[in-house]
């Protein structure tokens, strides 16, 4: 895929993208990348699924504690969105959905909203940055981006 090719319309294309991307670029360990790929294997056409940690453990060979720890770290990296599910008072498997914007940013350094039309406003923010937001200038964007990266590295 080229830098500007951000399309993955199927589970197979998504799996290929993740497989061909180094874990470090995704912000994951190799184990967590493997866990992500196993979760993706359950995803439907909307990139959503709800496999249990037990089921992921069975097909991956990792222990349930490793799966739960890995999922927690993948969610912290913002590639997956996790929601708890329950049937009345009984907890069932979690619901997972792919955060396409974050994945695209990690893989391509671009947002899925780069080409959205500018909304009319009275502000002077005329620069559309790669994160999909408008800034006063490219300098303003890069200063905010650098400050965010510095803040993240201090944590």
Foldseek 3Di string as FASTA:
>chain_A
DDLPPLDDQALVSVLVLLVPDDQVLLVHDPLLSLLVSLLSVQADRQQKHFDALVVSCVVSVDDSVSSVVSVVVSVVSVQKDWDWDADVPHTDTIMIGGPSQSVSCSRNVAGPQQPPDDDDDPDCFDDQDRSRDTHNDVVRVVVVVVVVVVVVVVD
